[in-house]
Amino acid sequence: MKITGIDIGEYRQFKNIKFDFTYPNDHPKAGQPLEKVCFIGQSGTGKTTLLRIIWDFFQVINDGYQISTNRFSIPTVSHYDTFRANVSVHAKISDQAIRFGSEFLRSPSDLYTNNDKDIAGSSLDWIQSQPSNIYDAIKSYSKLCLYIDESALSYAYSLTANRNEDNRAYLASTDELFLINEKRQESIDRLAQSKTLAFHSLDGRYLWSYLLNDIEKYDESLKKVAIDLIQKNGSFSPHRLSESLNKWQTENPNPKVDIATNCLNSVLKDFFLEVDTEGTEALIVIKTKGGKQLAFNGLSTGTKQLLVTAIPIYKSQINKGVILFDEPEHSLFPDIQRKLVDYYTSLAPEAQFFFATHSPIIASAFEPCERFVLYFDENGEVNYHTGVAPEGDDPNDILRQDFAMAELMLQKGLDEYEWYRQLAMQIRAETDEEKKNQLIAERLELGNRYNFAGQYAQSK
C-alpha cells in the first residue's frame, strides 16, 4: 500500500489544502506514488501533523481488519478525531485507489468511549464496503505501517542493557522482561497480529521482544545446549564442549549475523563500531573495531538513535507498506546525515517513506517533486510548494532555492563581507603603494578567513 494524497478542509494548522504524493506528468514515473517524501519547513507548519494524519489512517484500517477477524477490541478511538475534521487520505493498494474520510464515520454517541458500534465501527463499515480483493490485499500484509519518532530512543536501554546486571531499570531476557506484567505475551501477540507498529503505542515497550524474538530464542537455546552438555559430561573437556557447540551453531544459524551484515554494520562502521555476533549479554551487543564491548552508557545518543530506528525498519516486515519517520537527523553529525536517507530506504527498498525534518542535508537527498516545503503565508496559514534545488544538491542551495534564504551568514559575517567589499574600493582608490599593500594584505587575510573569494562570493 502506498499513500497518494491528503485533502484537508480545516484541521489544526491547515485550511483548504491538498497534497498530491504522486510523480508529476513530466517525470518518468508519472502518476505513480512517490517512493519517498520529505516534509521540511519552519517550526509549527505541521510536519509531524501530516505524519500523524497518515498514521491515523492506518490505525483506522487496522481497526477494521482486527474487528472483522474478532481478534481484539479497540483500546482507543482518538484517531477518529482526525477524520471528523474534514480530512481524507488517499492510497493505492493492489493498483486500486482507496480513501477514508469523514463521510465514512458513524455518528458517535460518545467519542471517548470504546464502543465498536459507534466510532470504531466506522472502520468495520469501511473495510466491509471494499471489494474482496482489497480486503485480501490488506490481509496479505504482515505490516502496513511503521511509525518512528522521538519515543524510540527511550527504549534503547532494553535493547542494549546487560541481562546480568542486578540493578537495571529494565530487564532484557525473554523470561525476565516485564515479568510482573501478566499480559506481556498478550501484548506481543497483539503486536504480531497488528498491521501497524509504533513505539508510542500502548504495546510499544514490548517491541524488542516481538522484533528480536529470533535472537532471544537463539540465545536461550545456545545457553540451554551449553548447560546440557556440561551436565551430561560431568567433568567436561573444554575441547569437546567447543566441538559440540560449534556443531550446534553450524546447524542453527545465528540471527545476529544477519542483522549485523544486512542492517547495522554498514552504518556502525562510521562510528568504528560493529555488532558483536557472539555476545549474549544483551539482545544487541556492540563492540569497537578493537573488540572491546561497550555497555549501554558507553554508546553515544547518535549510536542509540541509529540502533532503535534501523532495527524496526529492517525487522518489521514492512515490505510494500509505509514508514513514517519524524526527525531522522536527531543527535547525528552532518557527515552521517548525508547517508541517512539512502541507508534507511535500503533496509526496506519496497516501502514508501515519509520523513519530517528540519535538516537541509536530509532534504537534499530527495528529488524536487518529493520535497514538500511548508511555510506560513501572509495570512498566517500553512501552505507548501515542492522543491526547486535538484536531488543531491548542496544543502545551502536547498536553503537558497527552496526557502529563498538569500543570506545564510550571520550578521557578523555579513558585516565582515561588507568590509571586504569596502576594502576593494579603497585599494582601487589608494595611490600610496605602502598603504595599498597593507589594504591588500588585510583584504586577503579576511577573504581567506571567511572564504569570501570562494563559494560565498560567487553566490553574491
Protein backbone atom coordinates (compact mmCIF):
# COMPACT_ATOMS: atom_id res chain seq x y z
CA MET A 1 0.00 0.00 0.00
CA LYS A 2 1.19 3.50 -0.84
CA ILE A 3 -0.21 6.91 0.16
CA THR A 4 -1.14 9.07 -2.84
CA GLY A 5 -2.63 12.17 -1.24
CA ILE A 6 -4.13 14.06 1.69
CA ASP A 7 -7.05 16.50 1.45
CA ILE A 8 -7.65 18.83 4.40
CA GLY A 9 -10.63 21.14 4.79
CA GLU A 10 -9.68 22.66 8.13
CA TYR A 11 -7.51 20.87 10.67
CA ARG A 12 -5.03 22.36 13.13
CA GLN A 13 -2.50 24.41 11.11
CA PHE A 14 -4.12 23.57 7.76
CA LYS A 15 -7.03 25.05 5.85
CA ASN A 16 -8.24 24.07 2.37
CA ILE A 17 -5.06 22.35 1.27
CA LYS A 18 -4.36 19.26 -0.84
CA PHE A 19 -1.19 17.20 -1.03
CA ASP A 20 -0.53 15.06 -4.10
CA PHE A 21 2.01 12.34 -3.41
CA THR A 22 2.36 11.08 -6.98
CA TYR A 23 5.08 11.80 -9.52
CA PRO A 24 4.25 14.72 -11.88
CA ASN A 25 3.42 14.35 -15.56
CA ASP A 26 6.92 15.22 -16.76
CA HIS A 27 8.52 12.52 -14.60
CA PRO A 28 9.44 9.02 -15.91
CA LYS A 29 7.26 7.57 -13.12
CA ALA A 30 4.33 9.92 -13.82
CA GLY A 31 1.21 9.06 -11.84
CA GLN A 32 2.88 6.52 -9.60
CA PRO A 33 3.00 7.05 -5.81
CA LEU A 34 6.12 8.86 -4.62
CA GLU A 35 8.71 6.39 -3.34
CA LYS A 36 9.81 8.78 -0.61
CA VAL A 37 8.51 12.10 0.70
CA CYS A 38 10.22 14.85 2.69
CA PHE A 39 8.27 17.35 4.78
CA ILE A 40 10.51 20.28 5.67
CA GLY A 41 9.67 23.74 6.94
CA GLN A 42 9.84 26.10 9.85
CA SER A 43 8.57 25.06 13.27
CA GLY A 44 4.81 24.94 13.64
CA THR A 45 4.00 24.31 9.97
CA GLY A 46 2.61 20.83 10.60
CA LYS A 47 5.28 18.37 9.52
CA THR A 48 4.53 15.98 12.36
CA THR A 49 0.80 16.62 11.98
CA LEU A 50 0.94 15.25 8.43
CA LEU A 51 2.73 12.13 9.65
CA ARG A 52 0.06 11.67 12.32
CA ILE A 53 -2.74 12.02 9.78
CA ILE A 54 -1.25 9.18 7.74
CA TRP A 55 -0.72 7.16 10.92
CA ASP A 56 -4.34 7.69 11.94
CA PHE A 57 -5.44 6.46 8.51
CA PHE A 58 -3.55 3.21 9.01
CA GLN A 59 -4.93 2.84 12.53
CA VAL A 60 -8.45 3.01 11.11
CA ILE A 61 -7.62 0.33 8.55
CA ASN A 62 -6.06 -1.83 11.26
CA ASP A 63 -9.14 -1.35 13.46
CA GLY A 64 -11.44 -2.53 10.68
CA TYR A 65 -9.31 -5.55 9.93
CA GLN A 66 -8.94 -6.59 13.58
CA ILE A 67 -12.66 -6.18 14.30
CA SER A 68 -13.51 -8.22 11.19
CA THR A 69 -11.36 -11.08 12.50
CA ASN A 70 -12.69 -10.76 16.08
CA ARG A 71 -9.12 -10.58 17.36
CA PHE A 72 -9.20 -7.74 19.85
CA SER A 73 -11.19 -4.71 20.88
CA ILE A 74 -10.06 -1.20 20.07
CA PRO A 75 -8.10 0.33 23.00
CA THR A 76 -8.56 3.93 21.85
CA VAL A 77 -10.66 5.83 19.33
CA SER A 78 -8.81 9.18 19.39
CA HIS A 79 -7.50 8.68 15.83
CA TYR A 80 -11.05 9.04 14.50
CA ASP A 81 -10.99 12.69 15.62
CA THR A 82 -8.71 13.43 12.67
CA PHE A 83 -11.38 12.45 10.17
CA ARG A 84 -14.14 14.39 11.89
CA ALA A 85 -12.25 17.50 10.76
CA ASN A 86 -12.91 17.11 7.03
CA VAL A 87 -9.68 15.23 6.39
CA SER A 88 -9.34 12.44 3.85
CA VAL A 89 -6.38 10.24 2.98
CA HIS A 90 -5.92 8.63 -0.43
CA ALA A 91 -3.91 5.48 -1.05
CA LYS A 92 -3.33 2.75 -3.59
CA ILE A 93 -3.27 -0.97 -2.86
CA SER A 94 -3.09 -3.73 -5.45
CA ASP A 95 -3.26 -0.99 -8.12
CA GLN A 96 -6.67 0.15 -6.81
CA ALA A 97 -7.39 3.54 -5.30
CA ILE A 98 -8.86 3.69 -1.79
CA ARG A 99 -9.63 6.54 0.58
CA PHE A 100 -11.00 7.22 4.04
CA GLY A 101 -12.61 10.46 5.15
CA SER A 102 -15.28 11.99 7.36
CA GLU A 103 -18.15 10.69 5.22
CA PHE A 104 -17.30 7.15 6.33
CA LEU A 105 -17.70 7.95 10.04
CA ARG A 106 -20.67 6.81 12.06
CA SER A 107 -22.31 9.39 14.31
CA PRO A 108 -20.83 8.63 17.74
CA SER A 109 -22.91 8.59 20.89
CA ASP A 110 -19.73 9.20 22.88
CA LEU A 111 -16.47 9.86 21.04
CA TYR A 112 -14.33 8.98 24.05
CA THR A 113 -15.98 5.66 24.83
CA ASN A 114 -14.68 2.45 23.30
CA ASN A 115 -17.85 1.44 21.51
CA ASP A 116 -17.36 -0.76 18.46
CA LYS A 117 -20.92 0.04 17.38
CA ASP A 118 -20.14 3.72 17.15
CA ILE A 119 -16.91 5.39 16.01
CA ALA A 120 -14.68 2.30 15.83
CA GLY A 121 -17.42 0.54 13.93
CA SER A 122 -16.81 3.02 11.11
CA SER A 123 -13.63 1.14 10.27
CA LEU A 124 -15.55 -2.13 10.01
CA ASP A 125 -18.17 -0.48 7.80
CA TRP A 126 -15.41 0.83 5.57
CA ILE A 127 -13.49 -2.42 5.22
CA GLN A 128 -16.68 -4.40 4.55
CA SER A 129 -17.62 -1.93 1.81
CA GLN A 130 -14.39 -2.59 -0.08
CA PRO A 131 -14.08 -5.18 -2.86
CA SER A 132 -12.91 -8.58 -1.65
CA ASN A 133 -9.51 -8.17 -3.32
CA ILE A 134 -8.87 -5.04 -1.22
CA TYR A 135 -9.60 -6.96 1.97
CA ASP A 136 -7.44 -9.85 0.78
CA ALA A 137 -4.60 -7.43 0.00
CA ILE A 138 -4.79 -5.90 3.48
CA LYS A 139 -4.84 -9.39 4.98
CA SER A 140 -1.75 -10.40 2.98
CA TYR A 141 0.41 -7.65 4.50
CA SER A 142 2.38 -8.58 7.59
CA LYS A 143 2.64 -4.87 8.39
CA LEU A 144 1.12 -1.86 6.65
CA CYS A 145 2.76 0.99 8.57
CA LEU A 146 5.65 1.68 10.95
CA TYR A 147 5.86 5.00 12.84
CA ILE A 148 9.23 6.10 14.25
CA ASP A 149 9.51 9.21 16.42
CA GLU A 150 11.48 10.50 19.40
CA SER A 151 9.87 7.93 21.71
CA ALA A 152 12.00 5.21 20.09
CA LEU A 153 15.11 6.46 21.89
CA SER A 154 13.53 5.86 25.29
CA TYR A 155 13.55 2.15 24.52
CA ALA A 156 17.27 1.95 23.73
CA TYR A 157 18.12 0.67 27.20
CA SER A 158 16.13 -2.55 26.94
CA LEU A 159 17.80 -3.23 23.59
CA THR A 160 21.40 -2.95 24.76
CA ALA A 161 21.18 -3.47 28.55
CA ASN A 162 23.26 -6.21 30.13
CA ARG A 163 20.92 -9.02 31.15
CA ASN A 164 23.12 -9.92 34.10
CA GLU A 165 23.00 -6.56 35.88
CA ASP A 166 21.01 -6.74 39.10
CA ASN A 167 20.10 -3.06 39.39
CA ARG A 168 18.99 -2.28 35.87
CA ALA A 169 15.87 -0.24 35.16
CA TYR A 170 14.57 -2.75 32.62
CA LEU A 171 15.12 -6.49 32.29
CA ALA A 172 16.20 -7.80 28.95
CA SER A 173 15.71 -11.56 28.54
CA THR A 174 12.56 -13.24 27.27
CA ASP A 175 11.71 -14.75 30.66
CA GLU A 176 12.54 -11.61 32.65
CA LEU A 177 11.42 -8.60 30.59
CA PHE A 178 8.44 -7.05 32.42
CA LEU A 179 7.73 -10.40 34.03
CA ILE A 180 5.47 -8.74 36.58
CA ASN A 181 3.10 -7.80 33.74
CA GLU A 182 0.89 -10.84 33.30
CA LYS A 183 -0.35 -9.58 29.95
CA ARG A 184 3.10 -9.38 28.38
CA GLN A 185 2.56 -12.27 25.98
CA GLU A 186 -0.87 -10.94 25.13
CA SER A 187 0.74 -7.64 24.12
CA ILE A 188 3.36 -9.41 22.00
CA ASP A 189 0.64 -11.44 20.29
CA ARG A 190 -1.24 -8.23 19.60
CA LEU A 191 1.88 -6.72 18.01
CA ALA A 192 2.23 -9.78 15.81
CA GLN A 193 -1.38 -9.57 14.67
CA SER A 194 -1.46 -5.80 14.20
CA LYS A 195 -0.94 -4.26 10.78
CA THR A 196 0.73 -1.21 12.39
CA LEU A 197 3.74 -0.70 14.67
CA ALA A 198 4.88 2.26 16.77
CA PHE A 199 6.94 2.76 19.91
CA HIS A 200 4.44 5.30 21.23
CA SER A 201 1.63 2.72 21.11
CA LEU A 202 0.31 1.04 24.26
CA ASP A 203 2.30 -2.10 23.42
CA GLY A 204 5.43 -0.22 22.32
CA ARG A 205 7.55 -1.33 25.28
CA TYR A 206 7.35 -4.93 24.04
CA LEU A 207 8.53 -4.20 20.50
CA TRP A 208 12.02 -5.58 21.02
CA SER A 209 10.65 -8.87 22.33
CA TYR A 210 8.49 -9.04 19.21
CA LEU A 211 11.01 -7.84 16.63
CA LEU A 212 14.03 -9.70 18.02
CA ASN A 213 12.26 -12.84 19.14
CA ASP A 214 14.59 -14.92 16.94
CA ILE A 215 17.64 -13.55 18.78
CA GLU A 216 16.09 -14.16 22.20
CA LYS A 217 15.23 -17.74 21.28
CA TYR A 218 18.67 -18.35 19.81
CA ASP A 219 20.48 -17.06 22.91
CA GLU A 220 18.25 -19.12 25.20
CA SER A 221 18.74 -22.26 23.11
CA LEU A 222 22.51 -21.77 23.00
CA LYS A 223 22.62 -21.35 26.77
CA LYS A 224 20.48 -24.47 27.28
CA VAL A 225 22.64 -26.55 24.92
CA ALA A 226 25.80 -25.49 26.76
CA ILE A 227 24.29 -26.30 30.17
CA ASP A 228 23.02 -29.68 28.94
CA LEU A 229 26.44 -30.59 27.53
CA ILE A 230 28.15 -29.70 30.80
CA GLN A 231 25.62 -31.64 32.88
CA LYS A 232 25.80 -34.72 30.65
CA ASN A 233 29.59 -34.83 30.60
CA GLY A 234 30.23 -34.14 34.28
CA SER A 235 33.87 -33.11 34.31
CA PHE A 236 33.74 -31.99 30.71
CA SER A 237 36.53 -31.45 28.23
CA PRO A 238 36.67 -27.84 27.05
CA HIS A 239 37.71 -29.11 23.60
CA ARG A 240 34.76 -31.49 23.39
CA LEU A 241 32.36 -28.82 24.60
CA SER A 242 33.69 -26.41 21.96
CA GLU A 243 33.26 -29.01 19.22
CA SER A 244 29.69 -29.77 20.27
CA LEU A 245 28.76 -26.09 20.46
CA ASN A 246 30.33 -25.40 17.06
CA LYS A 247 28.30 -28.25 15.57
CA TRP A 248 25.08 -26.88 17.06
CA GLN A 249 25.86 -23.37 15.83
CA THR A 250 26.54 -24.68 12.32
CA GLU A 251 23.15 -26.37 12.30
CA ASN A 252 21.42 -23.32 13.81
CA PRO A 253 22.42 -20.05 12.06
CA ASN A 254 22.93 -17.09 14.37
CA PRO A 255 20.30 -14.39 13.60
CA LYS A 256 22.71 -11.73 14.89
CA VAL A 257 24.91 -12.37 11.87
CA ASP A 258 22.05 -11.39 9.56
CA ILE A 259 21.20 -8.19 11.43
CA ALA A 260 24.88 -7.27 11.66
CA THR A 261 25.64 -7.92 7.99
CA ASN A 262 22.46 -6.63 6.37
CA CYS A 263 21.34 -3.91 8.76
CA LEU A 264 23.71 -2.40 11.32
CA ASN A 265 27.40 -2.81 10.49
CA SER A 266 27.25 -0.74 7.31
CA VAL A 267 26.41 2.35 9.37
CA LEU A 268 28.13 1.44 12.65
CA LYS A 269 31.47 1.35 10.81
CA ASP A 270 31.28 5.15 10.59
CA PHE A 271 31.50 5.13 14.41
CA PHE A 272 34.27 2.49 14.30
CA LEU A 273 31.82 0.04 15.86
CA GLU A 274 30.19 -3.25 14.92
CA VAL A 275 27.74 -5.83 16.28
CA ASP A 276 29.32 -8.49 18.47
CA THR A 277 27.57 -11.51 16.97
CA GLU A 278 28.94 -13.78 19.71
CA GLY A 279 27.77 -11.55 22.56
CA THR A 280 24.79 -12.76 24.58
CA GLU A 281 24.90 -10.20 27.40
CA ALA A 282 22.11 -8.23 25.70
CA LEU A 283 19.78 -8.51 22.73
CA ILE A 284 22.26 -6.44 20.71
CA VAL A 285 25.88 -6.21 21.88
CA ILE A 286 28.08 -3.51 20.34
CA LYS A 287 31.87 -3.61 20.30
CA THR A 288 34.66 -1.44 18.98
CA LYS A 289 36.72 -2.45 15.97
CA GLY A 290 39.35 -3.47 18.50
CA GLY A 291 36.95 -5.95 20.09
CA LYS A 292 36.03 -4.07 23.29
CA GLN A 293 32.37 -4.44 24.25
CA LEU A 294 30.50 -1.23 25.06
CA ALA A 295 27.91 -1.04 27.82
CA PHE A 296 24.71 0.97 27.37
CA ASN A 297 26.28 4.06 28.95
CA GLY A 298 29.25 3.76 26.58
CA LEU A 299 27.12 4.34 23.49
CA SER A 300 26.54 7.84 22.17
CA THR A 301 22.99 9.16 21.76
CA GLY A 302 23.50 9.13 17.99
CA THR A 303 24.53 5.47 18.02
CA LYS A 304 21.49 4.57 20.12
CA GLN A 305 19.31 6.55 17.72
CA LEU A 306 20.57 4.52 14.77
CA LEU A 307 20.07 1.21 16.57
CA VAL A 308 16.50 1.87 17.70
CA THR A 309 15.41 3.21 14.29
CA ALA A 310 17.22 0.91 11.86
CA ILE A 311 16.27 -2.38 13.53
CA PRO A 312 12.47 -1.82 13.37
CA ILE A 313 12.69 -0.85 9.69
CA TYR A 314 14.71 -3.96 8.87
CA LYS A 315 12.86 -6.43 11.11
CA SER A 316 9.24 -5.26 10.93
CA GLN A 317 8.49 -6.84 7.53
CA ILE A 318 7.06 -3.62 6.16
CA ASN A 319 7.89 -4.64 2.59
CA LYS A 320 5.47 -2.65 0.40
CA GLY A 321 3.93 -0.69 3.25
CA VAL A 322 4.60 2.82 4.59
CA ILE A 323 7.27 4.03 7.03
CA LEU A 324 6.76 7.34 8.86
CA PHE A 325 9.92 8.86 10.34
CA ASP A 326 9.97 12.05 12.43
CA GLU A 327 13.33 13.88 12.64
CA PRO A 328 15.78 11.21 11.43
CA GLU A 329 18.66 13.66 11.97
CA HIS A 330 18.26 13.59 15.76
CA SER A 331 21.68 13.62 17.53
CA LEU A 332 23.57 12.80 14.33
CA PHE A 333 26.51 14.75 12.89
CA PRO A 334 26.16 16.11 9.32
CA ASP A 335 28.52 13.52 7.83
CA ILE A 336 26.13 10.77 8.97
CA GLN A 337 23.05 12.76 7.92
CA ARG A 338 24.33 12.78 4.33
CA LYS A 339 23.92 8.99 4.18
CA LEU A 340 20.76 8.55 6.23
CA VAL A 341 18.05 8.55 3.57
CA ASP A 342 19.89 6.09 1.34
CA TYR A 343 20.67 3.93 4.36
CA TYR A 344 17.15 3.75 5.76
CA THR A 345 15.48 3.22 2.38
CA SER A 346 17.91 0.38 1.61
CA LEU A 347 16.61 -1.50 4.67
CA ALA A 348 13.09 -1.64 3.19
CA PRO A 349 13.55 -0.93 -0.53
CA GLU A 350 9.91 -1.55 -1.50
CA ALA A 351 8.39 0.57 1.26
CA GLN A 352 7.21 4.16 0.87
CA PHE A 353 8.98 6.54 3.27
CA PHE A 354 7.71 9.81 4.74
CA PHE A 355 10.35 11.88 6.55
CA ALA A 356 9.66 15.03 8.59
CA THR A 357 12.85 17.02 9.10
CA HIS A 358 14.44 20.39 9.82
CA SER A 359 17.68 19.40 8.11
CA PRO A 360 18.52 20.70 4.61
CA ILE A 361 21.09 17.88 4.44
CA ILE A 362 18.29 15.32 4.76
CA ALA A 363 16.12 17.27 2.30
CA SER A 364 18.87 17.30 -0.33
CA ALA A 365 18.52 13.51 -0.68
CA PHE A 366 15.09 13.94 -2.31
CA GLU A 367 14.01 14.81 -5.82
CA PRO A 368 12.34 18.25 -6.02
CA CYS A 369 8.91 16.66 -6.52
CA GLU A 370 9.43 14.55 -3.38
CA ARG A 371 10.25 17.59 -1.27
CA PHE A 372 7.29 19.43 0.31
CA VAL A 373 8.38 22.79 1.72
CA LEU A 374 5.88 24.03 4.32
CA TYR A 375 5.60 27.73 5.15
CA PHE A 376 3.26 30.34 6.62
CA ASP A 377 1.63 32.58 4.02
CA GLU A 378 0.77 36.25 4.52
CA ASN A 379 -2.46 35.25 6.32
CA GLY A 380 -0.60 33.07 8.80
CA GLU A 381 -1.95 29.88 7.23
CA VAL A 382 0.21 26.95 6.23
CA ASN A 383 0.90 26.43 2.56
CA TYR A 384 3.53 24.49 0.66
CA HIS A 385 5.48 24.26 -2.55
CA THR A 386 7.57 21.43 -3.89
CA GLY A 387 11.33 21.68 -4.12
CA VAL A 388 13.44 23.60 -6.61
CA ALA A 389 17.04 22.52 -5.98
CA PRO A 390 17.95 19.20 -7.64
CA GLU A 391 18.46 15.96 -5.73
CA GLY A 392 21.89 15.74 -4.11
CA ASP A 393 22.50 19.50 -4.29
CA ASP A 394 24.50 21.47 -1.73
CA PRO A 395 22.26 21.89 1.37
CA ASN A 396 22.96 25.63 1.21
CA ASP A 397 21.32 25.66 -2.22
CA ILE A 398 18.30 23.95 -0.67
CA LEU A 399 18.06 26.89 1.72
CA ARG A 400 18.58 29.47 -1.02
CA GLN A 401 16.32 27.97 -3.68
CA ASP A 402 13.66 26.10 -1.71
CA PHE A 403 13.44 28.56 1.20
CA ALA A 404 14.51 31.75 -0.62
CA MET A 405 17.09 32.49 2.07
CA ALA A 406 19.33 34.93 0.24
CA GLU A 407 21.68 35.39 3.19
CA LEU A 408 22.97 32.35 5.03
CA MET A 409 25.66 34.07 7.06
CA LEU A 410 25.01 35.58 10.47
CA GLN A 411 25.17 39.35 10.92
CA LYS A 412 28.83 39.29 11.99
CA GLY A 413 29.76 37.55 8.75
CA LEU A 414 27.66 39.93 6.66
CA ASP A 415 29.36 42.90 8.31
CA GLU A 416 32.77 41.42 7.54
CA TYR A 417 31.76 40.80 3.93
CA GLU A 418 30.66 44.39 3.57
CA TRP A 419 34.07 45.50 4.91
CA TYR A 420 35.69 43.08 2.45
CA ARG A 421 33.91 44.89 -0.39
CA GLN A 422 34.80 48.32 1.02
CA LEU A 423 38.47 47.32 1.14
CA ALA A 424 38.34 46.50 -2.59
CA MET A 425 37.14 50.04 -3.35
CA GLN A 426 39.78 51.57 -1.06
CA ILE A 427 42.51 49.55 -2.77
CA ARG A 428 41.47 50.81 -6.18
CA ALA A 429 41.44 54.43 -4.94
CA GLU A 430 44.66 54.29 -2.89
CA THR A 431 47.71 55.94 -4.50
CA ASP A 432 50.22 55.29 -1.71
CA GLU A 433 51.85 51.92 -2.57
CA GLU A 434 52.78 51.03 1.02
CA LYS A 435 49.29 51.70 2.34
CA LYS A 436 47.81 49.98 -0.68
CA ASN A 437 49.80 46.82 0.08
CA GLN A 438 48.60 46.93 3.68
CA LEU A 439 44.99 47.09 2.49
CA ILE A 440 45.62 44.22 0.06
CA ALA A 441 47.10 42.11 2.88
CA GLU A 442 44.15 42.90 5.18
CA ARG A 443 41.63 42.02 2.47
CA LEU A 444 43.47 38.80 1.60
CA GLU A 445 43.51 37.70 5.25
CA LEU A 446 39.80 38.50 5.64
CA GLY A 447 38.91 36.71 2.41
CA ASN A 448 40.83 33.60 3.42
CA ARG A 449 39.29 33.55 6.88
CA TYR A 450 35.72 33.65 5.53
CA ASN A 451 36.35 32.10 2.11
CA PHE A 452 34.90 35.26 0.52
CA ALA A 453 36.88 34.60 -2.63
CA GLY A 454 35.26 31.17 -2.94
CA GLN A 455 31.74 29.84 -2.95
CA TYR A 456 30.05 32.57 -0.91
CA ALA A 457 31.42 35.38 -3.06
CA GLN A 458 30.26 33.56 -6.20
CA SER A 459 26.75 33.27 -4.79
CA LYS A 460 26.64 37.03 -4.35
